[in-house]
N, C-alpha and C. Protein backbone atom coordinates (compact mmCIF):
# COMPACT_ATOMS: atom_id res chain seq x y z
N MET A 1 -47.63 204.92 88.87
CA MET A 1 -48.43 204.64 90.03
C MET A 1 -49.15 205.92 90.44
N LEU A 2 -50.43 205.83 90.70
CA LEU A 2 -51.18 206.98 91.18
C LEU A 2 -50.84 207.21 92.63
N THR A 3 -50.93 208.47 93.05
CA THR A 3 -50.52 208.78 94.40
C THR A 3 -51.72 209.14 95.26
N THR A 4 -51.49 209.11 96.54
CA THR A 4 -52.50 209.54 97.50
C THR A 4 -51.97 210.78 98.18
N PRO A 5 -52.80 211.48 98.93
CA PRO A 5 -52.32 212.71 99.57
C PRO A 5 -51.09 212.50 100.43
N SER A 6 -50.89 211.32 101.00
CA SER A 6 -49.74 211.09 101.86
C SER A 6 -48.47 210.75 101.08
N GLU A 7 -48.59 210.62 99.74
CA GLU A 7 -47.45 210.25 98.91
C GLU A 7 -47.15 211.36 97.91
N PRO A 8 -46.42 212.40 98.33
CA PRO A 8 -46.16 213.49 97.38
C PRO A 8 -45.24 213.05 96.25
N LEU A 9 -45.50 213.57 95.10
CA LEU A 9 -44.65 213.34 93.94
C LEU A 9 -44.04 214.68 93.60
N HIS A 10 -42.75 214.84 93.86
CA HIS A 10 -42.10 216.12 93.66
C HIS A 10 -41.88 216.36 92.18
N SER A 11 -42.26 217.55 91.75
CA SER A 11 -42.10 217.89 90.35
C SER A 11 -42.12 219.39 90.22
N THR A 12 -41.35 219.88 89.28
CA THR A 12 -41.40 221.29 88.97
C THR A 12 -42.18 221.43 87.70
N GLY A 13 -43.46 221.53 87.83
CA GLY A 13 -44.34 221.61 86.68
C GLY A 13 -45.06 222.93 86.69
N PRO A 14 -46.06 223.04 85.82
CA PRO A 14 -46.82 224.27 85.77
C PRO A 14 -47.60 224.47 87.07
N PRO A 15 -47.99 225.70 87.34
CA PRO A 15 -48.73 225.95 88.58
C PRO A 15 -50.04 225.16 88.59
N GLN A 16 -50.47 224.81 89.80
CA GLN A 16 -51.68 224.01 89.93
C GLN A 16 -52.91 224.85 89.65
N ASP A 17 -53.86 224.26 88.96
CA ASP A 17 -55.14 224.89 88.66
C ASP A 17 -55.94 224.90 89.96
N ALA A 18 -56.45 226.05 90.34
CA ALA A 18 -57.18 226.15 91.59
C ALA A 18 -58.44 225.30 91.58
N GLY A 19 -58.95 224.93 90.41
CA GLY A 19 -60.17 224.15 90.32
C GLY A 19 -59.97 222.66 90.53
N LEU A 20 -58.72 222.22 90.62
CA LEU A 20 -58.43 220.80 90.78
C LEU A 20 -57.72 220.56 92.11
N SER A 21 -57.98 219.41 92.69
CA SER A 21 -57.35 219.09 93.97
C SER A 21 -55.87 218.77 93.77
N SER A 22 -55.13 218.83 94.85
CA SER A 22 -53.70 218.52 94.78
C SER A 22 -53.49 217.06 94.41
N VAL A 23 -54.42 216.18 94.81
CA VAL A 23 -54.30 214.76 94.46
C VAL A 23 -54.39 214.60 92.94
N VAL A 24 -55.29 215.32 92.31
CA VAL A 24 -55.42 215.25 90.85
C VAL A 24 -54.12 215.70 90.20
N HIS A 25 -53.54 216.78 90.71
CA HIS A 25 -52.28 217.28 90.14
C HIS A 25 -51.15 216.26 90.33
N ARG A 26 -51.07 215.64 91.50
CA ARG A 26 -50.04 214.61 91.72
C ARG A 26 -50.24 213.43 90.78
N ASN A 27 -51.50 213.03 90.57
CA ASN A 27 -51.77 211.91 89.68
C ASN A 27 -51.44 212.26 88.23
N ILE A 28 -51.71 213.48 87.84
CA ILE A 28 -51.35 213.92 86.47
C ILE A 28 -49.84 213.85 86.30
N ARG A 29 -49.11 214.32 87.30
CA ARG A 29 -47.64 214.26 87.21
C ARG A 29 -47.16 212.82 87.18
N ALA A 30 -47.81 211.94 87.97
CA ALA A 30 -47.40 210.53 87.99
C ALA A 30 -47.65 209.89 86.63
N LEU A 31 -48.80 210.16 86.03
CA LEU A 31 -49.10 209.61 84.70
C LEU A 31 -48.16 210.15 83.65
N THR A 32 -47.80 211.42 83.77
CA THR A 32 -46.84 212.02 82.84
C THR A 32 -45.49 211.33 82.97
N GLU A 33 -45.08 211.03 84.19
CA GLU A 33 -43.81 210.33 84.41
C GLU A 33 -43.86 208.93 83.81
N VAL A 34 -44.99 208.25 83.93
CA VAL A 34 -45.13 206.91 83.33
C VAL A 34 -44.97 207.01 81.82
N ARG A 35 -45.60 208.00 81.21
CA ARG A 35 -45.48 208.17 79.75
C ARG A 35 -44.04 208.47 79.35
N LYS A 36 -43.36 209.32 80.12
CA LYS A 36 -41.96 209.62 79.82
C LYS A 36 -41.10 208.37 79.93
N LYS A 37 -41.36 207.56 80.95
CA LYS A 37 -40.60 206.32 81.13
C LYS A 37 -40.84 205.39 79.95
N GLU A 38 -42.10 205.27 79.50
CA GLU A 38 -42.41 204.43 78.34
C GLU A 38 -41.66 204.94 77.10
N GLU A 39 -41.59 206.24 76.96
CA GLU A 39 -40.90 206.85 75.81
C GLU A 39 -39.40 206.53 75.88
N ARG A 40 -38.82 206.61 77.07
CA ARG A 40 -37.39 206.32 77.23
C ARG A 40 -37.08 204.85 76.97
N GLN A 41 -38.04 203.97 77.21
CA GLN A 41 -37.81 202.53 77.05
C GLN A 41 -38.02 202.04 75.62
N LYS A 42 -38.41 202.94 74.73
CA LYS A 42 -38.59 202.53 73.34
C LYS A 42 -37.25 202.12 72.74
N THR A 43 -37.28 201.08 71.94
CA THR A 43 -36.07 200.64 71.23
C THR A 43 -35.86 201.55 70.03
N PRO A 44 -34.64 201.56 69.47
CA PRO A 44 -34.42 202.35 68.26
C PRO A 44 -35.39 201.95 67.13
N SER A 45 -35.69 200.67 67.03
CA SER A 45 -36.65 200.22 66.00
C SER A 45 -38.02 200.83 66.24
N ASP A 46 -38.45 200.88 67.50
CA ASP A 46 -39.74 201.49 67.82
C ASP A 46 -39.75 202.97 67.46
N ARG A 47 -38.64 203.66 67.75
CA ARG A 47 -38.55 205.09 67.44
C ARG A 47 -38.62 205.34 65.93
N ILE A 48 -37.93 204.48 65.18
CA ILE A 48 -37.96 204.62 63.71
C ILE A 48 -39.38 204.35 63.21
N ALA A 49 -40.00 203.27 63.69
CA ALA A 49 -41.36 202.94 63.25
C ALA A 49 -42.31 204.08 63.58
N ASP A 50 -42.17 204.68 64.77
CA ASP A 50 -43.04 205.80 65.15
C ASP A 50 -42.81 207.01 64.26
N ALA A 51 -41.55 207.30 63.96
CA ALA A 51 -41.25 208.46 63.12
C ALA A 51 -41.82 208.27 61.72
N VAL A 52 -41.62 207.07 61.15
CA VAL A 52 -42.15 206.80 59.81
C VAL A 52 -43.68 206.87 59.83
N THR A 53 -44.29 206.27 60.84
CA THR A 53 -45.75 206.28 60.94
C THR A 53 -46.27 207.70 61.12
N ARG A 54 -45.59 208.48 61.96
CA ARG A 54 -46.00 209.87 62.18
C ARG A 54 -45.93 210.66 60.87
N PHE A 55 -44.83 210.47 60.10
CA PHE A 55 -44.70 211.18 58.83
C PHE A 55 -45.73 210.68 57.82
N ALA A 56 -45.90 209.36 57.74
CA ALA A 56 -46.84 208.80 56.76
C ALA A 56 -48.27 209.25 57.02
N GLY A 57 -48.58 209.57 58.27
CA GLY A 57 -49.93 210.01 58.61
C GLY A 57 -50.08 211.52 58.65
N SER A 58 -49.17 212.23 58.02
CA SER A 58 -49.23 213.70 58.05
C SER A 58 -49.53 214.27 56.67
N MET A 59 -49.93 215.53 56.65
CA MET A 59 -50.17 216.21 55.38
C MET A 59 -48.87 216.41 54.62
N TRP A 60 -47.72 216.49 55.31
CA TRP A 60 -46.44 216.61 54.61
C TRP A 60 -46.18 215.38 53.75
N SER A 61 -46.61 214.23 54.22
CA SER A 61 -46.48 213.01 53.42
C SER A 61 -47.34 213.11 52.16
N VAL A 62 -48.53 213.63 52.31
CA VAL A 62 -49.42 213.81 51.15
C VAL A 62 -48.77 214.77 50.15
N TYR A 63 -48.26 215.90 50.63
CA TYR A 63 -47.61 216.87 49.74
C TYR A 63 -46.40 216.26 49.05
N PHE A 64 -45.58 215.54 49.82
CA PHE A 64 -44.38 214.92 49.27
C PHE A 64 -44.76 213.93 48.16
N HIS A 65 -45.71 213.05 48.44
CA HIS A 65 -46.09 212.03 47.46
C HIS A 65 -46.79 212.64 46.24
N ALA A 66 -47.62 213.64 46.47
CA ALA A 66 -48.28 214.31 45.34
C ALA A 66 -47.24 214.96 44.43
N THR A 67 -46.24 215.59 45.03
CA THR A 67 -45.17 216.22 44.24
C THR A 67 -44.33 215.17 43.51
N LEU A 68 -43.88 214.16 44.24
CA LEU A 68 -43.03 213.13 43.66
C LEU A 68 -43.76 212.39 42.53
N PHE A 69 -44.94 211.86 42.84
CA PHE A 69 -45.67 211.07 41.83
C PHE A 69 -46.16 211.95 40.69
N GLY A 70 -46.57 213.18 41.04
CA GLY A 70 -47.01 214.10 39.97
C GLY A 70 -45.89 214.41 39.00
N ALA A 71 -44.68 214.71 39.54
CA ALA A 71 -43.53 215.00 38.68
C ALA A 71 -43.16 213.76 37.87
N TRP A 72 -43.17 212.59 38.51
CA TRP A 72 -42.85 211.33 37.83
C TRP A 72 -43.79 211.13 36.63
N ILE A 73 -45.07 211.32 36.88
CA ILE A 73 -46.07 211.11 35.80
C ILE A 73 -45.90 212.14 34.69
N VAL A 74 -45.76 213.41 35.07
CA VAL A 74 -45.62 214.46 34.07
C VAL A 74 -44.38 214.23 33.21
N ILE A 75 -43.27 213.88 33.83
CA ILE A 75 -42.02 213.63 33.09
C ILE A 75 -42.20 212.44 32.16
N ASN A 76 -42.79 211.35 32.66
CA ASN A 76 -42.87 210.13 31.87
C ASN A 76 -44.01 210.12 30.86
N LEU A 77 -44.87 211.11 30.92
CA LEU A 77 -45.85 211.28 29.86
C LEU A 77 -45.26 212.12 28.71
N GLY A 78 -44.06 212.68 28.99
CA GLY A 78 -43.37 213.45 27.96
C GLY A 78 -43.90 214.87 27.83
N TRP A 79 -44.52 215.38 28.88
CA TRP A 79 -45.13 216.71 28.82
C TRP A 79 -44.12 217.84 29.04
N ILE A 80 -42.89 217.50 29.44
CA ILE A 80 -41.87 218.52 29.64
C ILE A 80 -40.83 218.34 28.54
N ALA A 81 -40.77 219.34 27.68
CA ALA A 81 -39.83 219.28 26.56
C ALA A 81 -38.40 219.31 27.06
N GLY A 82 -37.58 218.47 26.49
CA GLY A 82 -36.15 218.42 26.82
C GLY A 82 -35.83 217.52 28.00
N VAL A 83 -36.83 217.00 28.66
CA VAL A 83 -36.58 216.09 29.79
C VAL A 83 -36.90 214.68 29.31
N LYS A 84 -35.89 213.82 29.41
CA LYS A 84 -36.02 212.46 28.90
C LYS A 84 -36.91 211.62 29.82
N ARG A 85 -37.79 210.84 29.20
CA ARG A 85 -38.66 209.92 29.93
C ARG A 85 -37.81 208.76 30.43
N PHE A 86 -37.93 208.41 31.72
CA PHE A 86 -37.13 207.31 32.27
C PHE A 86 -37.99 206.10 32.67
N ASP A 87 -39.32 206.27 32.67
CA ASP A 87 -40.22 205.17 33.03
C ASP A 87 -41.52 205.32 32.24
N PRO A 88 -41.43 205.21 30.91
CA PRO A 88 -42.61 205.48 30.08
C PRO A 88 -43.78 204.51 30.32
N SER A 89 -43.52 203.32 30.79
CA SER A 89 -44.61 202.36 31.04
C SER A 89 -45.10 202.41 32.49
N PHE A 90 -44.46 203.21 33.31
CA PHE A 90 -44.79 203.37 34.73
C PHE A 90 -44.62 202.10 35.56
N VAL A 91 -43.88 201.15 35.06
CA VAL A 91 -43.63 199.90 35.80
C VAL A 91 -42.79 200.19 37.04
N VAL A 92 -41.78 201.02 36.89
CA VAL A 92 -40.92 201.34 38.03
C VAL A 92 -41.72 202.10 39.09
N LEU A 93 -42.59 203.01 38.65
CA LEU A 93 -43.44 203.74 39.59
C LEU A 93 -44.34 202.78 40.35
N ALA A 94 -44.95 201.85 39.65
CA ALA A 94 -45.82 200.86 40.30
C ALA A 94 -45.04 200.01 41.30
N MET A 95 -43.83 199.59 40.92
CA MET A 95 -43.01 198.80 41.83
C MET A 95 -42.61 199.63 43.04
N PHE A 96 -42.21 200.87 42.82
CA PHE A 96 -41.82 201.76 43.91
C PHE A 96 -42.98 201.95 44.88
N ALA A 97 -44.17 202.21 44.35
CA ALA A 97 -45.35 202.42 45.20
C ALA A 97 -45.70 201.15 45.97
N SER A 98 -45.57 199.99 45.34
CA SER A 98 -45.87 198.72 46.01
C SER A 98 -44.90 198.44 47.15
N VAL A 99 -43.62 198.63 46.89
CA VAL A 99 -42.62 198.39 47.93
C VAL A 99 -42.81 199.38 49.08
N GLU A 100 -43.09 200.63 48.75
CA GLU A 100 -43.33 201.63 49.79
C GLU A 100 -44.55 201.24 50.63
N ALA A 101 -45.61 200.77 50.00
CA ALA A 101 -46.82 200.35 50.72
C ALA A 101 -46.51 199.19 51.67
N ILE A 102 -45.70 198.26 51.23
CA ILE A 102 -45.33 197.12 52.08
C ILE A 102 -44.60 197.62 53.33
N PHE A 103 -43.60 198.49 53.12
CA PHE A 103 -42.84 198.99 54.27
C PHE A 103 -43.69 199.86 55.18
N LEU A 104 -44.51 200.74 54.59
CA LEU A 104 -45.35 201.60 55.42
C LEU A 104 -46.33 200.79 56.26
N SER A 105 -46.93 199.78 55.66
CA SER A 105 -47.88 198.97 56.42
C SER A 105 -47.17 198.22 57.54
N THR A 106 -45.94 197.78 57.30
CA THR A 106 -45.17 197.11 58.35
C THR A 106 -44.85 198.07 59.50
N PHE A 107 -44.40 199.28 59.16
CA PHE A 107 -44.12 200.27 60.20
C PHE A 107 -45.37 200.61 61.00
N ILE A 108 -46.48 200.75 60.32
CA ILE A 108 -47.75 201.07 60.99
C ILE A 108 -48.15 199.93 61.93
N LEU A 109 -48.00 198.69 61.48
CA LEU A 109 -48.34 197.55 62.33
C LEU A 109 -47.44 197.48 63.57
N ILE A 110 -46.16 197.79 63.39
CA ILE A 110 -45.24 197.80 64.53
C ILE A 110 -45.71 198.82 65.56
N SER A 111 -46.03 200.02 65.10
CA SER A 111 -46.50 201.08 66.00
C SER A 111 -47.82 200.69 66.65
N GLN A 112 -48.74 200.12 65.88
CA GLN A 112 -50.03 199.72 66.44
C GLN A 112 -49.87 198.61 67.47
N ASN A 113 -48.98 197.66 67.23
CA ASN A 113 -48.76 196.59 68.20
C ASN A 113 -48.27 197.15 69.52
N ARG A 114 -47.33 198.08 69.47
CA ARG A 114 -46.82 198.67 70.70
C ARG A 114 -47.90 199.50 71.38
N MET A 115 -48.68 200.26 70.61
CA MET A 115 -49.76 201.04 71.20
C MET A 115 -50.81 200.13 71.84
N GLN A 116 -51.04 198.97 71.23
CA GLN A 116 -51.98 198.01 71.81
C GLN A 116 -51.46 197.49 73.15
N GLN A 117 -50.17 197.23 73.23
CA GLN A 117 -49.59 196.78 74.50
C GLN A 117 -49.75 197.85 75.58
N VAL A 118 -49.52 199.10 75.22
CA VAL A 118 -49.69 200.20 76.18
C VAL A 118 -51.15 200.29 76.59
N ALA A 119 -52.06 200.17 75.63
CA ALA A 119 -53.49 200.24 75.93
C ALA A 119 -53.90 199.09 76.86
N GLU A 120 -53.35 197.91 76.64
CA GLU A 120 -53.67 196.77 77.51
C GLU A 120 -53.18 197.01 78.93
N ARG A 121 -51.97 197.57 79.07
CA ARG A 121 -51.46 197.86 80.41
C ARG A 121 -52.34 198.90 81.10
N ARG A 122 -52.76 199.91 80.36
CA ARG A 122 -53.63 200.94 80.95
C ARG A 122 -55.00 200.36 81.31
N ALA A 123 -55.51 199.47 80.48
CA ALA A 123 -56.79 198.82 80.79
C ALA A 123 -56.65 197.98 82.06
N GLU A 124 -55.52 197.30 82.22
CA GLU A 124 -55.29 196.52 83.44
C GLU A 124 -55.23 197.44 84.66
N LEU A 125 -54.59 198.59 84.51
CA LEU A 125 -54.53 199.56 85.60
C LEU A 125 -55.94 200.04 85.94
N ASP A 126 -56.73 200.37 84.90
CA ASP A 126 -58.11 200.79 85.12
C ASP A 126 -58.90 199.72 85.86
N LEU A 127 -58.73 198.47 85.46
CA LEU A 127 -59.43 197.37 86.11
C LEU A 127 -59.01 197.27 87.57
N GLN A 128 -57.70 197.35 87.84
CA GLN A 128 -57.23 197.26 89.23
C GLN A 128 -57.80 198.39 90.08
N ILE A 129 -57.82 199.59 89.53
CA ILE A 129 -58.36 200.73 90.27
C ILE A 129 -59.86 200.54 90.50
N SER A 130 -60.57 200.06 89.49
CA SER A 130 -62.00 199.81 89.64
C SER A 130 -62.27 198.75 90.70
N LEU A 131 -61.49 197.68 90.69
CA LEU A 131 -61.68 196.62 91.69
C LEU A 131 -61.36 197.14 93.10
N LEU A 132 -60.30 197.94 93.21
CA LEU A 132 -59.95 198.51 94.51
C LEU A 132 -61.07 199.46 94.99
N THR A 133 -61.57 200.28 94.08
CA THR A 133 -62.65 201.20 94.42
C THR A 133 -63.89 200.44 94.87
N GLU A 134 -64.22 199.39 94.13
CA GLU A 134 -65.39 198.57 94.50
C GLU A 134 -65.20 197.97 95.88
N HIS A 135 -64.01 197.47 96.16
CA HIS A 135 -63.74 196.87 97.46
C HIS A 135 -63.84 197.92 98.57
N GLU A 136 -63.25 199.09 98.33
CA GLU A 136 -63.30 200.15 99.34
C GLU A 136 -64.73 200.62 99.58
N LEU A 137 -65.52 200.74 98.52
CA LEU A 137 -66.92 201.15 98.69
C LEU A 137 -67.71 200.10 99.45
N THR A 138 -67.45 198.84 99.18
CA THR A 138 -68.13 197.77 99.91
C THR A 138 -67.79 197.86 101.40
N ARG A 139 -66.51 198.07 101.71
CA ARG A 139 -66.11 198.21 103.11
C ARG A 139 -66.76 199.43 103.74
N ALA A 140 -66.84 200.55 103.01
CA ALA A 140 -67.46 201.77 103.53
C ALA A 140 -68.94 201.54 103.82
N ILE A 141 -69.62 200.81 102.94
CA ILE A 141 -71.04 200.51 103.16
C ILE A 141 -71.21 199.66 104.42
N HIS A 142 -70.32 198.68 104.60
CA HIS A 142 -70.36 197.86 105.82
C HIS A 142 -70.16 198.75 107.05
N SER A 143 -69.20 199.65 106.99
CA SER A 143 -68.92 200.53 108.13
C SER A 143 -70.12 201.42 108.43
N LEU A 144 -70.72 202.01 107.41
CA LEU A 144 -71.90 202.86 107.61
C LEU A 144 -73.05 202.06 108.20
N ASP A 145 -73.22 200.85 107.71
CA ASP A 145 -74.28 199.99 108.21
C ASP A 145 -74.03 199.67 109.69
N ASP A 146 -72.76 199.38 110.04
CA ASP A 146 -72.42 199.12 111.44
C ASP A 146 -72.67 200.34 112.31
N ILE A 147 -72.28 201.51 111.84
CA ILE A 147 -72.49 202.75 112.60
C ILE A 147 -73.98 202.98 112.81
N ALA A 148 -74.77 202.83 111.77
CA ALA A 148 -76.22 203.02 111.88
C ALA A 148 -76.81 202.04 112.88
N HIS A 149 -76.34 200.82 112.86
CA HIS A 149 -76.84 199.80 113.79
C HIS A 149 -76.48 200.19 115.24
N ARG A 150 -75.26 200.66 115.48
CA ARG A 150 -74.83 201.03 116.84
C ARG A 150 -75.56 202.27 117.36
N LEU A 151 -75.93 203.16 116.45
CA LEU A 151 -76.64 204.38 116.85
C LEU A 151 -78.14 204.14 117.00
N GLY A 152 -78.56 202.96 116.71
CA GLY A 152 -79.98 202.64 116.82
C GLY A 152 -80.78 203.11 115.61
N ALA A 153 -80.10 203.53 114.61
CA ALA A 153 -80.78 203.97 113.38
C ALA A 153 -80.81 202.84 112.36
N TYR A 154 -80.59 201.66 112.86
CA TYR A 154 -80.49 200.52 111.96
C TYR A 154 -81.87 200.11 111.46
N ARG A 155 -81.95 199.92 110.15
CA ARG A 155 -83.15 199.38 109.52
C ARG A 155 -82.72 198.12 108.80
N PRO A 156 -83.61 197.15 108.71
CA PRO A 156 -83.24 195.96 107.95
C PRO A 156 -82.82 196.37 106.54
N PRO A 157 -81.76 195.78 106.05
CA PRO A 157 -81.27 196.20 104.72
C PRO A 157 -82.26 195.87 103.61
N GLU A 158 -82.34 196.82 102.70
CA GLU A 158 -83.14 196.58 101.50
C GLU A 158 -82.40 195.53 100.68
N PRO A 159 -83.12 194.82 99.82
CA PRO A 159 -82.41 193.82 99.00
C PRO A 159 -81.26 194.42 98.20
N GLU A 160 -81.44 195.63 97.71
CA GLU A 160 -80.37 196.27 96.93
C GLU A 160 -79.17 196.57 97.82
N LEU A 161 -79.42 197.02 99.06
CA LEU A 161 -78.32 197.30 99.97
C LEU A 161 -77.55 196.03 100.30
N ALA A 162 -78.28 194.94 100.49
CA ALA A 162 -77.62 193.66 100.75
C ALA A 162 -76.74 193.26 99.57
N ASP A 163 -77.21 193.55 98.34
CA ASP A 163 -76.42 193.23 97.15
C ASP A 163 -75.13 194.05 97.10
N ILE A 164 -75.24 195.34 97.39
CA ILE A 164 -74.04 196.18 97.25
C ILE A 164 -73.06 195.97 98.39
N LYS A 165 -73.50 195.30 99.45
CA LYS A 165 -72.58 194.98 100.55
C LYS A 165 -71.72 193.77 100.23
N ARG A 166 -72.04 193.07 99.14
CA ARG A 166 -71.26 191.89 98.75
C ARG A 166 -70.10 192.32 97.85
N ASP A 167 -68.92 191.76 98.11
CA ASP A 167 -67.77 192.01 97.25
C ASP A 167 -68.01 191.40 95.87
N VAL A 168 -67.53 192.07 94.86
CA VAL A 168 -67.62 191.55 93.49
C VAL A 168 -66.47 190.56 93.30
N GLU A 169 -66.79 189.43 92.74
CA GLU A 169 -65.77 188.43 92.42
C GLU A 169 -65.50 188.51 90.92
N PRO A 170 -64.35 189.10 90.53
CA PRO A 170 -64.07 189.28 89.10
C PRO A 170 -64.16 187.98 88.30
N GLU A 171 -63.69 186.89 88.90
CA GLU A 171 -63.73 185.61 88.18
C GLU A 171 -65.16 185.23 87.84
N ARG A 172 -66.06 185.43 88.79
CA ARG A 172 -67.47 185.09 88.60
C ARG A 172 -68.10 186.00 87.53
N VAL A 173 -67.74 187.28 87.54
CA VAL A 173 -68.26 188.22 86.54
C VAL A 173 -67.81 187.78 85.15
N ILE A 174 -66.55 187.38 85.01
CA ILE A 174 -66.03 186.93 83.72
C ILE A 174 -66.79 185.69 83.26
N GLU A 175 -67.05 184.76 84.19
CA GLU A 175 -67.82 183.55 83.83
C GLU A 175 -69.19 183.91 83.29
N VAL A 176 -69.87 184.84 83.95
CA VAL A 176 -71.22 185.24 83.52
C VAL A 176 -71.14 185.92 82.15
N ILE A 177 -70.16 186.79 81.96
CA ILE A 177 -70.00 187.46 80.66
C ILE A 177 -69.78 186.43 79.56
N GLU A 178 -68.90 185.46 79.82
CA GLU A 178 -68.64 184.41 78.82
C GLU A 178 -69.89 183.61 78.51
N LYS A 179 -70.68 183.30 79.53
CA LYS A 179 -71.93 182.56 79.30
C LYS A 179 -72.90 183.37 78.45
N VAL A 180 -73.02 184.65 78.74
CA VAL A 180 -73.92 185.51 77.96
C VAL A 180 -73.44 185.60 76.52
N GLU A 181 -72.12 185.78 76.32
CA GLU A 181 -71.56 185.86 74.97
C GLU A 181 -71.79 184.55 74.22
N GLN A 182 -71.59 183.43 74.91
CA GLN A 182 -71.81 182.12 74.28
C GLN A 182 -73.27 181.96 73.88
N HIS A 183 -74.17 182.38 74.74
CA HIS A 183 -75.61 182.30 74.46
C HIS A 183 -75.96 183.17 73.25
N MET A 184 -75.36 184.35 73.18
CA MET A 184 -75.61 185.25 72.04
C MET A 184 -75.08 184.65 70.75
N ASP A 185 -73.88 184.03 70.83
CA ASP A 185 -73.30 183.38 69.64
C ASP A 185 -74.17 182.24 69.16
N GLU A 186 -74.69 181.46 70.10
CA GLU A 186 -75.56 180.33 69.73
C GLU A 186 -76.87 180.81 69.13
N ALA A 187 -77.33 181.97 69.55
CA ALA A 187 -78.60 182.51 69.06
C ALA A 187 -78.47 183.01 67.62
N ARG A 188 -77.27 183.28 67.20
CA ARG A 188 -77.06 183.80 65.83
C ARG A 188 -77.24 182.70 64.88
């Protein structure tokens, strides 16, 4: 949860950057706490999938596989005198690589599915904050308009001002987006 100036989030973190407000620092700490909580809530299966995915996507994995497969090929081509060939047709190597690919792709999909869930939650948070901001700005515009009217500085609202004084209805926006998308699909 993001914090406001009246909601301190106690933390012993690095010193605050003088260029950023205290609210920004509190929000950074709050987001860091959310990430830590998500990390603590991972299941052992998620941790294993992440570790395998992290290794598979690293240069150490490339070095390991280049060494393993290179040695396998060199040995089974008979290029090392005195070392017996154990897979001269490379069938076992092909099977090993295929099984490894199946497992690696499964681990990667597990990690991607969880990352997608996290991304969806963050997108929902972004949407909620955007809707709250829009609502607050609409209220602020109404207040400014009322103040101007009471001070006698009131001018009839421009059409654009009248538009921005209206609250956005998310449901209506979604309907319009769907209609536009449907129209674009039909045009193809």
